[in-house]
Amino acid sequence: MKIIVDAYEPEEQALGWYYYLENNVSVPFRAKCSVERVISPLRVDDEVEVVGMAPEDECEHEMFVMTRWEQRDLAVPLAQLAGIDIDDESRQALDDWSYWVER
């Protein structure tokens, strides 16, 4: 994938993904939790508003996004969310990330 074409170390790959997602996903957008994770309070079918990427240093091993959840800011794994009514470019970027995670 051209996102990480010159990235040899895991940290370089993470940065490639971070900037690809930051540049190609339009925020804010609504998302629904599709899978529960022990590191996140979200439950399947919970809806949140994604307001941006989490800070870069929080995304060195996995991509996290900042959300509005129960009237507070919360970073959750992007892989546990599915976008709702998002534009085509955002959908493609999220699909690319999902493909990478599932491979």
PDB file of N, CA and C in Angstrom:
ATOM      1  N   MET A   1       0.847  -1.181   0.000  1.00  0.00           N
ATOM      2  CA  MET A   1       0.000   0.000   0.000  1.00  0.00           C
ATOM      3  C   MET A   1       0.889   1.239   0.000  1.00  0.00           C
ATOM      4  N   LYS A   2       0.513   2.225  -0.784  1.00  0.00           N
ATOM      5  CA  LYS A   2       1.333   3.429  -0.880  1.00  0.00           C
ATOM      6  C   LYS A   2       1.355   4.229   0.419  1.00  0.00           C
ATOM      7  N   ILE A   3       0.420   3.978   1.317  1.00  0.00           N
ATOM      8  CA  ILE A   3       0.375   4.681   2.596  1.00  0.00           C
ATOM      9  C   ILE A   3       1.654   4.430   3.383  1.00  0.00           C
ATOM     10  N   ILE A   4       2.173   3.223   3.285  1.00  0.00           N
ATOM     11  CA  ILE A   4       3.353   2.853   4.071  1.00  0.00           C
ATOM     12  C   ILE A   4       4.494   2.366   3.192  1.00  0.00           C
ATOM     13  N   VAL A   5       4.543   2.794   1.943  1.00  0.00           N
ATOM     14  CA  VAL A   5       5.509   2.270   0.983  1.00  0.00           C
ATOM     15  C   VAL A   5       6.955   2.409   1.446  1.00  0.00           C
ATOM     16  N   ASP A   6       7.329   3.493   2.088  1.00  0.00           N
ATOM     17  CA  ASP A   6       8.701   3.690   2.551  1.00  0.00           C
ATOM     18  C   ASP A   6       8.848   3.492   4.056  1.00  0.00           C
ATOM     19  N   ALA A   7       7.880   2.859   4.671  1.00  0.00           N
ATOM     20  CA  ALA A   7       7.907   2.659   6.120  1.00  0.00           C
ATOM     21  C   ALA A   7       8.380   1.242   6.423  1.00  0.00           C
ATOM     22  N   TYR A   8       9.492   1.152   7.145  1.00  0.00           N
ATOM     23  CA  TYR A   8      10.061  -0.157   7.435  1.00  0.00           C
ATOM     24  C   TYR A   8       9.807  -0.601   8.867  1.00  0.00           C
ATOM     25  N   GLU A   9       9.748   0.322   9.778  1.00  0.00           N
ATOM     26  CA  GLU A   9       9.523   0.012  11.188  1.00  0.00           C
ATOM     27  C   GLU A   9       8.043   0.198  11.525  1.00  0.00           C
ATOM     28  N   PRO A  10       7.545  -0.515  12.524  1.00  0.00           N
ATOM     29  CA  PRO A  10       6.135  -0.362  12.915  1.00  0.00           C
ATOM     30  C   PRO A  10       5.746   1.084  13.243  1.00  0.00           C
ATOM     31  N   GLU A  11       6.653   1.826  13.859  1.00  0.00           N
ATOM     32  CA  GLU A  11       6.352   3.219  14.206  1.00  0.00           C
ATOM     33  C   GLU A  11       6.184   4.070  12.950  1.00  0.00           C
ATOM     34  N   GLU A  12       7.008   3.800  11.927  1.00  0.00           N
ATOM     35  CA  GLU A  12       6.888   4.523  10.660  1.00  0.00           C
ATOM     36  C   GLU A  12       5.569   4.175   9.968  1.00  0.00           C
ATOM     37  N   GLN A  13       5.188   2.905  10.023  1.00  0.00           N
ATOM     38  CA  GLN A  13       3.912   2.495   9.443  1.00  0.00           C
ATOM     39  C   GLN A  13       2.759   3.187  10.158  1.00  0.00           C
ATOM     40  N   ALA A  14       2.830   3.243  11.485  1.00  0.00           N
ATOM     41  CA  ALA A  14       1.773   3.901  12.260  1.00  0.00           C
ATOM     42  C   ALA A  14       1.649   5.366  11.873  1.00  0.00           C
ATOM     43  N   LEU A  15       2.779   6.053  11.726  1.00  0.00           N
ATOM     44  CA  LEU A  15       2.732   7.464  11.327  1.00  0.00           C
ATOM     45  C   LEU A  15       2.149   7.631   9.928  1.00  0.00           C
ATOM     46  N   GLY A  16       2.483   6.719   9.020  1.00  0.00           N
ATOM     47  CA  GLY A  16       1.913   6.767   7.678  1.00  0.00           C
ATOM     48  C   GLY A  16       0.400   6.659   7.717  1.00  0.00           C
ATOM     49  N   TRP A  17      -0.077   5.693   8.497  1.00  0.00           N
ATOM     50  CA  TRP A  17      -1.522   5.546   8.646  1.00  0.00           C
ATOM     51  C   TRP A  17      -2.124   6.760   9.333  1.00  0.00           C
ATOM     52  N   TYR A  18      -1.504   7.261  10.352  1.00  0.00           N
ATOM     53  CA  TYR A  18      -2.031   8.409  11.100  1.00  0.00           C
ATOM     54  C   TYR A  18      -2.283   9.587  10.154  1.00  0.00           C
ATOM     55  N   TYR A  19      -1.276   9.943   9.374  1.00  0.00           N
ATOM     56  CA  TYR A  19      -1.420  11.103   8.493  1.00  0.00           C
ATOM     57  C   TYR A  19      -2.355  10.827   7.317  1.00  0.00           C
ATOM     58  N   TYR A  20      -2.384   9.602   6.831  1.00  0.00           N
ATOM     59  CA  TYR A  20      -3.344   9.248   5.781  1.00  0.00           C
ATOM     60  C   TYR A  20      -4.770   9.444   6.286  1.00  0.00           C
ATOM     61  N   LEU A  21      -5.054   8.913   7.464  1.00  0.00           N
ATOM     62  CA  LEU A  21      -6.403   9.042   8.020  1.00  0.00           C
ATOM     63  C   LEU A  21      -6.727  10.494   8.355  1.00  0.00           C
ATOM     64  N   GLU A  22      -5.774  11.193   8.949  1.00  0.00           N
ATOM     65  CA  GLU A  22      -6.000  12.590   9.310  1.00  0.00           C
ATOM     66  C   GLU A  22      -6.311  13.437   8.071  1.00  0.00           C
ATOM     67  N   ASN A  23      -5.662  13.145   6.954  1.00  0.00           N
ATOM     68  CA  ASN A  23      -5.843  13.927   5.732  1.00  0.00           C
ATOM     69  C   ASN A  23      -7.031  13.494   4.881  1.00  0.00           C
ATOM     70  N   ASN A  24      -7.564  12.300   5.118  1.00  0.00           N
ATOM     71  CA  ASN A  24      -8.604  11.778   4.231  1.00  0.00           C
ATOM     72  C   ASN A  24      -9.954  11.522   4.879  1.00  0.00           C
ATOM     73  N   VAL A  25     -10.038  11.612   6.183  1.00  0.00           N
ATOM     74  CA  VAL A  25     -11.315  11.412   6.865  1.00  0.00           C
ATOM     75  C   VAL A  25     -11.849  12.772   7.300  1.00  0.00           C
ATOM     76  N   SER A  26     -13.041  13.098   6.828  1.00  0.00           N
ATOM     77  CA  SER A  26     -13.674  14.372   7.183  1.00  0.00           C
ATOM     78  C   SER A  26     -14.344  14.253   8.547  1.00  0.00           C
ATOM     79  N   VAL A  27     -14.023  15.175   9.424  1.00  0.00           N
ATOM     80  CA  VAL A  27     -14.624  15.201  10.757  1.00  0.00           C
ATOM     81  C   VAL A  27     -15.362  16.516  10.935  1.00  0.00           C
ATOM     82  N   PRO A  28     -16.343  16.563  11.779  1.00  0.00           N
ATOM     83  CA  PRO A  28     -16.870  15.471  12.598  1.00  0.00           C
ATOM     84  C   PRO A  28     -17.775  14.540  11.779  1.00  0.00           C
ATOM     85  N   PHE A  29     -17.935  13.315  12.304  1.00  0.00           N
ATOM     86  CA  PHE A  29     -18.900  12.385  11.723  1.00  0.00           C
ATOM     87  C   PHE A  29     -19.431  11.476  12.820  1.00  0.00           C
ATOM     88  N   ARG A  30     -20.621  10.936  12.583  1.00  0.00           N
ATOM     89  CA  ARG A  30     -21.230   9.995  13.519  1.00  0.00           C
ATOM     90  C   ARG A  30     -20.693   8.599  13.218  1.00  0.00           C
ATOM     91  N   ALA A  31     -20.526   7.822  14.284  1.00  0.00           N
ATOM     92  CA  ALA A  31     -20.051   6.447  14.130  1.00  0.00           C
ATOM     93  C   ALA A  31     -20.757   5.558  15.138  1.00  0.00           C
ATOM     94  N   LYS A  32     -20.835   4.292  14.782  1.00  0.00           N
ATOM     95  CA  LYS A  32     -21.467   3.307  15.653  1.00  0.00           C
ATOM     96  C   LYS A  32     -20.423   2.274  16.049  1.00  0.00           C
ATOM     97  N   CYS A  33     -20.448   1.888  17.308  1.00  0.00           N
ATOM     98  CA  CYS A  33     -19.545   0.849  17.796  1.00  0.00           C
ATOM     99  C   CYS A  33     -19.968  -0.490  17.196  1.00  0.00           C
ATOM    100  N   SER A  34     -19.021  -1.169  16.563  1.00  0.00           N
ATOM    101  CA  SER A  34     -19.323  -2.447  15.923  1.00  0.00           C
ATOM    102  C   SER A  34     -18.773  -3.647  16.693  1.00  0.00           C
ATOM    103  N   VAL A  35     -17.870  -3.385  17.631  1.00  0.00           N
ATOM    104  CA  VAL A  35     -17.277  -4.468  18.421  1.00  0.00           C
ATOM    105  C   VAL A  35     -16.817  -3.905  19.764  1.00  0.00           C
ATOM    106  N   GLU A  36     -17.024  -4.656  20.813  1.00  0.00           N
ATOM    107  CA  GLU A  36     -16.570  -4.214  22.134  1.00  0.00           C
ATOM    108  C   GLU A  36     -15.094  -4.533  22.317  1.00  0.00           C
ATOM    109  N   ARG A  37     -14.413  -3.662  23.046  1.00  0.00           N
ATOM    110  CA  ARG A  37     -12.997  -3.845  23.377  1.00  0.00           C
ATOM    111  C   ARG A  37     -12.831  -3.613  24.873  1.00  0.00           C
ATOM    112  N   VAL A  38     -11.939  -4.339  25.515  1.00  0.00           N
ATOM    113  CA  VAL A  38     -11.733  -4.164  26.952  1.00  0.00           C
ATOM    114  C   VAL A  38     -11.105  -2.818  27.282  1.00  0.00           C
ATOM    115  N   ILE A  39     -10.484  -2.167  26.314  1.00  0.00           N
ATOM    116  CA  ILE A  39      -9.846  -0.871  26.553  1.00  0.00           C
ATOM    117  C   ILE A  39     -10.787   0.302  26.302  1.00  0.00           C
ATOM    118  N   SER A  40     -12.039   0.024  25.978  1.00  0.00           N
ATOM    119  CA  SER A  40     -12.997   1.075  25.636  1.00  0.00           C
ATOM    120  C   SER A  40     -14.318   0.844  26.364  1.00  0.00           C
ATOM    121  N   PRO A  41     -14.968   1.913  26.799  1.00  0.00           N
ATOM    122  CA  PRO A  41     -16.263   1.749  27.469  1.00  0.00           C
ATOM    123  C   PRO A  41     -17.428   1.562  26.500  1.00  0.00           C
ATOM    124  N   LEU A  42     -17.185   1.703  25.201  1.00  0.00           N
ATOM    125  CA  LEU A  42     -18.277   1.595  24.237  1.00  0.00           C
ATOM    126  C   LEU A  42     -18.790   0.169  24.140  1.00  0.00           C
ATOM    127  N   ARG A  43     -20.096   0.082  23.929  1.00  0.00           N
ATOM    128  CA  ARG A  43     -20.745  -1.210  23.708  1.00  0.00           C
ATOM    129  C   ARG A  43     -21.281  -1.242  22.275  1.00  0.00           C
ATOM    130  N   VAL A  44     -21.478  -2.428  21.758  1.00  0.00           N
ATOM    131  CA  VAL A  44     -21.994  -2.579  20.404  1.00  0.00           C
ATOM    132  C   VAL A  44     -23.268  -1.749  20.250  1.00  0.00           C
ATOM    133  N   ASP A  45     -23.333  -1.013  19.149  1.00  0.00           N
ATOM    134  CA  ASP A  45     -24.441  -0.132  18.761  1.00  0.00           C
ATOM    135  C   ASP A  45     -24.444   1.220  19.460  1.00  0.00           C
ATOM    136  N   ASP A  46     -23.516   1.489  20.394  1.00  0.00           N
ATOM    137  CA  ASP A  46     -23.385   2.848  20.928  1.00  0.00           C
ATOM    138  C   ASP A  46     -23.006   3.767  19.773  1.00  0.00           C
ATOM    139  N   GLU A  47     -23.564   4.971  19.754  1.00  0.00           N
ATOM    140  CA  GLU A  47     -23.204   5.960  18.741  1.00  0.00           C
ATOM    141  C   GLU A  47     -22.409   7.082  19.381  1.00  0.00           C
ATOM    142  N   VAL A  48     -21.394   7.545  18.658  1.00  0.00           N
ATOM    143  CA  VAL A  48     -20.534   8.632  19.122  1.00  0.00           C
ATOM    144  C   VAL A  48     -20.303   9.600  17.972  1.00  0.00           C
ATOM    145  N   GLU A  49     -19.841  10.797  18.309  1.00  0.00           N
ATOM    146  CA  GLU A  49     -19.410  11.753  17.302  1.00  0.00           C
ATOM    147  C   GLU A  49     -17.889  11.755  17.293  1.00  0.00           C
ATOM    148  N   VAL A  50     -17.298  11.424  16.156  1.00  0.00           N
ATOM    149  CA  VAL A  50     -15.844  11.462  16.005  1.00  0.00           C
ATOM    150  C   VAL A  50     -15.465  12.889  15.628  1.00  0.00           C
ATOM    151  N   VAL A  51     -14.560  13.487  16.426  1.00  0.00           N
ATOM    152  CA  VAL A  51     -14.189  14.888  16.200  1.00  0.00           C
ATOM    153  C   VAL A  51     -12.766  15.049  15.670  1.00  0.00           C
ATOM    154  N   GLY A  52     -12.004  13.972  15.596  1.00  0.00           N
ATOM    155  CA  GLY A  52     -10.654  14.049  15.053  1.00  0.00           C
ATOM    156  C   GLY A  52      -9.812  12.867  15.488  1.00  0.00           C
ATOM    157  N   MET A  53      -8.581  12.872  15.017  1.00  0.00           N
ATOM    158  CA  MET A  53      -7.631  11.847  15.437  1.00  0.00           C
ATOM    159  C   MET A  53      -7.163  12.155  16.851  1.00  0.00           C
ATOM    160  N   ALA A  54      -6.853  11.115  17.617  1.00  0.00           N
ATOM    161  CA  ALA A  54      -6.232  11.298  18.927  1.00  0.00           C
ATOM    162  C   ALA A  54      -4.823  11.844  18.693  1.00  0.00           C
ATOM    163  N   PRO A  55      -4.176  12.360  19.728  1.00  0.00           N
ATOM    164  CA  PRO A  55      -2.801  12.842  19.546  1.00  0.00           C
ATOM    165  C   PRO A  55      -1.905  11.752  18.939  1.00  0.00           C
ATOM    166  N   GLU A  56      -0.986  12.205  18.115  1.00  0.00           N
ATOM    167  CA  GLU A  56      -0.086  11.300  17.388  1.00  0.00           C
ATOM    168  C   GLU A  56       0.599  10.287  18.303  1.00  0.00           C
ATOM    169  N   ASP A  57       1.058  10.720  19.470  1.00  0.00           N
ATOM    170  CA  ASP A  57       1.784   9.802  20.359  1.00  0.00           C
ATOM    171  C   ASP A  57       0.889   8.717  20.956  1.00  0.00           C
ATOM    172  N   GLU A  58      -0.430   8.869  20.853  1.00  0.00           N
ATOM    173  CA  GLU A  58      -1.356   7.826  21.309  1.00  0.00           C
ATOM    174  C   GLU A  58      -1.616   6.792  20.212  1.00  0.00           C
ATOM    175  N   CYS A  59      -1.114   7.056  19.016  1.00  0.00           N
ATOM    176  CA  CYS A  59      -1.418   6.212  17.857  1.00  0.00           C
ATOM    177  C   CYS A  59      -0.186   5.492  17.317  1.00  0.00           C
ATOM    178  N   GLU A  60       0.784   5.225  18.162  1.00  0.00           N
ATOM    179  CA  GLU A  60       2.007   4.577  17.703  1.00  0.00           C
ATOM    180  C   GLU A  60       1.839   3.085  17.441  1.00  0.00           C
ATOM    181  N   HIS A  61       0.797   2.476  18.014  1.00  0.00           N
ATOM    182  CA  HIS A  61       0.582   1.043  17.832  1.00  0.00           C
ATOM    183  C   HIS A  61      -0.796   0.719  17.272  1.00  0.00           C
ATOM    184  N   GLU A  62      -1.730   1.640  17.431  1.00  0.00           N
ATOM    185  CA  GLU A  62      -3.099   1.464  16.959  1.00  0.00           C
ATOM    186  C   GLU A  62      -3.691   2.852  16.751  1.00  0.00           C
ATOM    187  N   MET A  63      -4.597   2.980  15.787  1.00  0.00           N
ATOM    188  CA  MET A  63      -5.206   4.285  15.534  1.00  0.00           C
ATOM    189  C   MET A  63      -6.366   4.522  16.496  1.00  0.00           C
ATOM    190  N   PHE A  64      -6.313   5.667  17.165  1.00  0.00           N
ATOM    191  CA  PHE A  64      -7.382   6.099  18.060  1.00  0.00           C
ATOM    192  C   PHE A  64      -7.965   7.394  17.527  1.00  0.00           C
ATOM    193  N   VAL A  65      -9.266   7.574  17.740  1.00  0.00           N
ATOM    194  CA  VAL A  65      -9.929   8.819  17.363  1.00  0.00           C
ATOM    195  C   VAL A  65     -10.547   9.447  18.606  1.00  0.00           C
ATOM    196  N   MET A  66     -10.645  10.770  18.567  1.00  0.00           N
ATOM    197  CA  MET A  66     -11.290  11.503  19.650  1.00  0.00           C
ATOM    198  C   MET A  66     -12.788  11.534  19.369  1.00  0.00           C
ATOM    199  N   THR A  67     -13.568  11.256  20.394  1.00  0.00           N
ATOM    200  CA  THR A  67     -15.020  11.238  20.261  1.00  0.00           C
ATOM    201  C   THR A  67     -15.655  12.094  21.343  1.00  0.00           C
ATOM    202  N   ARG A  68     -16.907  12.454  21.094  1.00  0.00           N
ATOM    203  CA  ARG A  68     -17.750  13.034  22.136  1.00  0.00           C
ATOM    204  C   ARG A  68     -18.622  11.883  22.601  1.00  0.00           C
ATOM    205  N   TRP A  69     -18.490  11.537  23.866  1.00  0.00           N
ATOM    206  CA  TRP A  69     -19.235  10.405  24.421  1.00  0.00           C
ATOM    207  C   TRP A  69     -19.679  10.787  25.819  1.00  0.00           C
ATOM    208  N   GLU A  70     -20.978  10.726  26.054  1.00  0.00           N
ATOM    209  CA  GLU A  70     -21.554  11.075  27.354  1.00  0.00           C
ATOM    210  C   GLU A  70     -21.013  12.408  27.874  1.00  0.00           C
ATOM    211  N   GLN A  71     -21.014  13.410  27.009  1.00  0.00           N
ATOM    212  CA  GLN A  71     -20.644  14.791  27.328  1.00  0.00           C
ATOM    213  C   GLN A  71     -19.184  14.967  27.736  1.00  0.00           C
ATOM    214  N   ARG A  72     -18.315  14.102  27.233  1.00  0.00           N
ATOM    215  CA  ARG A  72     -16.884  14.285  27.487  1.00  0.00           C
ATOM    216  C   ARG A  72     -16.083  13.794  26.287  1.00  0.00           C
ATOM    217  N   ASP A  73     -14.824  14.214  26.236  1.00  0.00           N
ATOM    218  CA  ASP A  73     -13.926  13.771  25.171  1.00  0.00           C
ATOM    219  C   ASP A  73     -13.308  12.435  25.564  1.00  0.00           C
ATOM    220  N   LEU A  74     -13.266  11.515  24.610  1.00  0.00           N
ATOM    221  CA  LEU A  74     -12.752  10.179  24.878  1.00  0.00           C
ATOM    222  C   LEU A  74     -12.071   9.652  23.624  1.00  0.00           C
ATOM    223  N   ALA A  75     -10.871   9.106  23.767  1.00  0.00           N
ATOM    224  CA  ALA A  75     -10.187   8.458  22.644  1.00  0.00           C
ATOM    225  C   ALA A  75     -10.558   6.980  22.642  1.00  0.00           C
ATOM    226  N   VAL A  76     -10.974   6.491  21.479  1.00  0.00           N
ATOM    227  CA  VAL A  76     -11.324   5.075  21.337  1.00  0.00           C
ATOM    228  C   VAL A  76     -10.642   4.521  20.092  1.00  0.00           C
ATOM    229  N   PRO A  77     -10.443   3.204  20.027  1.00  0.00           N
ATOM    230  CA  PRO A  77      -9.830   2.604  18.844  1.00  0.00           C
ATOM    231  C   PRO A  77     -10.705   2.813  17.606  1.00  0.00           C
ATOM    232  N   LEU A  78     -10.109   3.298  16.549  1.00  0.00           N
ATOM    233  CA  LEU A  78     -10.840   3.485  15.302  1.00  0.00           C
ATOM    234  C   LEU A  78     -11.407   2.161  14.803  1.00  0.00           C
ATOM    235  N   ALA A  79     -10.697   1.076  15.033  1.00  0.00           N
ATOM    236  CA  ALA A  79     -11.118  -0.232  14.527  1.00  0.00           C
ATOM    237  C   ALA A  79     -12.439  -0.702  15.129  1.00  0.00           C
ATOM    238  N   GLN A  80     -12.880  -0.097  16.219  1.00  0.00           N
ATOM    239  CA  GLN A  80     -14.135  -0.548  16.803  1.00  0.00           C
ATOM    240  C   GLN A  80     -15.332   0.266  16.308  1.00  0.00           C
ATOM    241  N   LEU A  81     -15.095   1.208  15.393  1.00  0.00           N
ATOM    242  CA  LEU A  81     -16.164   2.086  14.923  1.00  0.00           C
ATOM    243  C   LEU A  81     -16.474   1.880  13.447  1.00  0.00           C
ATOM    244  N   ALA A  82     -17.729   2.131  13.103  1.00  0.00           N
ATOM    245  CA  ALA A  82     -18.177   2.151  11.708  1.00  0.00           C
ATOM    246  C   ALA A  82     -18.826   3.504  11.461  1.00  0.00           C
ATOM    247  N   GLY A  83     -18.367   4.201  10.418  1.00  0.00           N
ATOM    248  CA  GLY A  83     -18.917   5.514  10.103  1.00  0.00           C
ATOM    249  C   GLY A  83     -20.371   5.428   9.661  1.00  0.00           C
ATOM    250  N   ILE A  84     -21.135   6.466   9.991  1.00  0.00           N
ATOM    251  CA  ILE A  84     -22.546   6.560   9.607  1.00  0.00           C
ATOM    252  C   ILE A  84     -22.693   7.739   8.646  1.00  0.00           C
ATOM    253  N   ASP A  85     -23.234   7.484   7.459  1.00  0.00           N
ATOM    254  CA  ASP A  85     -23.494   8.544   6.469  1.00  0.00           C
ATOM    255  C   ASP A  85     -22.281   9.443   6.253  1.00  0.00           C
ATOM    256  N   ILE A  86     -21.146   8.848   5.901  1.00  0.00           N
ATOM    257  CA  ILE A  86     -19.931   9.635   5.678  1.00  0.00           C
ATOM    258  C   ILE A  86     -19.664   9.772   4.182  1.00  0.00           C
ATOM    259  N   ASP A  87     -18.840  10.753   3.816  1.00  0.00           N
ATOM    260  CA  ASP A  87     -18.541  10.994   2.405  1.00  0.00           C
ATOM    261  C   ASP A  87     -17.665   9.867   1.842  1.00  0.00           C
ATOM    262  N   ASP A  88     -17.592   9.816   0.520  1.00  0.00           N
ATOM    263  CA  ASP A  88     -16.890   8.718  -0.162  1.00  0.00           C
ATOM    264  C   ASP A  88     -15.409   8.644   0.187  1.00  0.00           C
ATOM    265  N   GLU A  89     -14.736   9.795   0.276  1.00  0.00           N
ATOM    266  CA  GLU A  89     -13.304   9.792   0.599  1.00  0.00           C
ATOM    267  C   GLU A  89     -13.066   9.253   2.010  1.00  0.00           C
ATOM    268  N   SER A  90     -13.910   9.660   2.939  1.00  0.00           N
ATOM    269  CA  SER A  90     -13.797   9.154   4.312  1.00  0.00           C
ATOM    270  C   SER A  90     -14.077   7.663   4.358  1.00  0.00           C
ATOM    271  N   ARG A  91     -15.110   7.232   3.641  1.00  0.00           N
ATOM    272  CA  ARG A  91     -15.459   5.805   3.602  1.00  0.00           C
ATOM    273  C   ARG A  91     -14.282   4.994   3.062  1.00  0.00           C
ATOM    274  N   GLN A  92     -13.648   5.464   1.997  1.00  0.00           N
ATOM    275  CA  GLN A  92     -12.510   4.746   1.422  1.00  0.00           C
ATOM    276  C   GLN A  92     -11.365   4.650   2.423  1.00  0.00           C
ATOM    277  N   ALA A  93     -11.059   5.748   3.108  1.00  0.00           N
ATOM    278  CA  ALA A  93      -9.970   5.743   4.089  1.00  0.00           C
ATOM    279  C   ALA A  93     -10.278   4.785   5.236  1.00  0.00           C
ATOM    280  N   LEU A  94     -11.507   4.798   5.728  1.00  0.00           N
ATOM    281  CA  LEU A  94     -11.878   3.890   6.817  1.00  0.00           C
ATOM    282  C   LEU A  94     -11.871   2.439   6.343  1.00  0.00           C
ATOM    283  N   ASP A  95     -12.310   2.202   5.113  1.00  0.00           N
ATOM    284  CA  ASP A  95     -12.250   0.843   4.558  1.00  0.00           C
ATOM    285  C   ASP A  95     -10.803   0.379   4.407  1.00  0.00           C
ATOM    286  N   ASP A  96      -9.915   1.287   3.972  1.00  0.00           N
ATOM    287  CA  ASP A  96      -8.493   0.947   3.861  1.00  0.00           C
ATOM    288  C   ASP A  96      -7.937   0.539   5.219  1.00  0.00           C
ATOM    289  N   TRP A  97      -8.266   1.312   6.260  1.00  0.00           N
ATOM    290  CA  TRP A  97      -7.782   1.007   7.606  1.00  0.00           C
ATOM    291  C   TRP A  97      -8.331  -0.341   8.074  1.00  0.00           C
ATOM    292  N   SER A  98      -9.619  -0.587   7.851  1.00  0.00           N
ATOM    293  CA  SER A  98     -10.219  -1.862   8.263  1.00  0.00           C
ATOM    294  C   SER A  98      -9.541  -3.033   7.569  1.00  0.00           C
ATOM    295  N   TYR A  99      -9.263  -2.882   6.282  1.00  0.00           N
ATOM    296  CA  TYR A  99      -8.577  -3.933   5.535  1.00  0.00           C
ATOM    297  C   TYR A  99      -7.209  -4.216   6.151  1.00  0.00           C
ATOM    298  N   TRP A 100      -6.461  -3.160   6.469  1.00  0.00           N
ATOM    299  CA  TRP A 100      -5.127  -3.305   7.045  1.00  0.00           C
ATOM    300  C   TRP A 100      -5.195  -4.026   8.392  1.00  0.00           C
ATOM    301  N   VAL A 101      -6.146  -3.647   9.223  1.00  0.00           N
ATOM    302  CA  VAL A 101      -6.280  -4.237  10.558  1.00  0.00           C
ATOM    303  C   VAL A 101      -6.644  -5.718  10.463  1.00  0.00           C
ATOM    304  N   GLU A 102      -7.501  -6.061   9.510  1.00  0.00           N
ATOM    305  CA  GLU A 102      -8.009  -7.433   9.404  1.00  0.00           C
ATOM    306  C   GLU A 102      -7.087  -8.386   8.659  1.00  0.00           C
ATOM    307  N   ARG A 103      -6.037  -7.863   8.029  1.00  0.00           N
ATOM    308  CA  ARG A 103      -5.173  -8.741   7.221  1.00  0.00           C
ATOM    309  C   ARG A 103      -4.271  -9.604   8.059  1.00  0.00           C
TER     310      ARG A 103
END
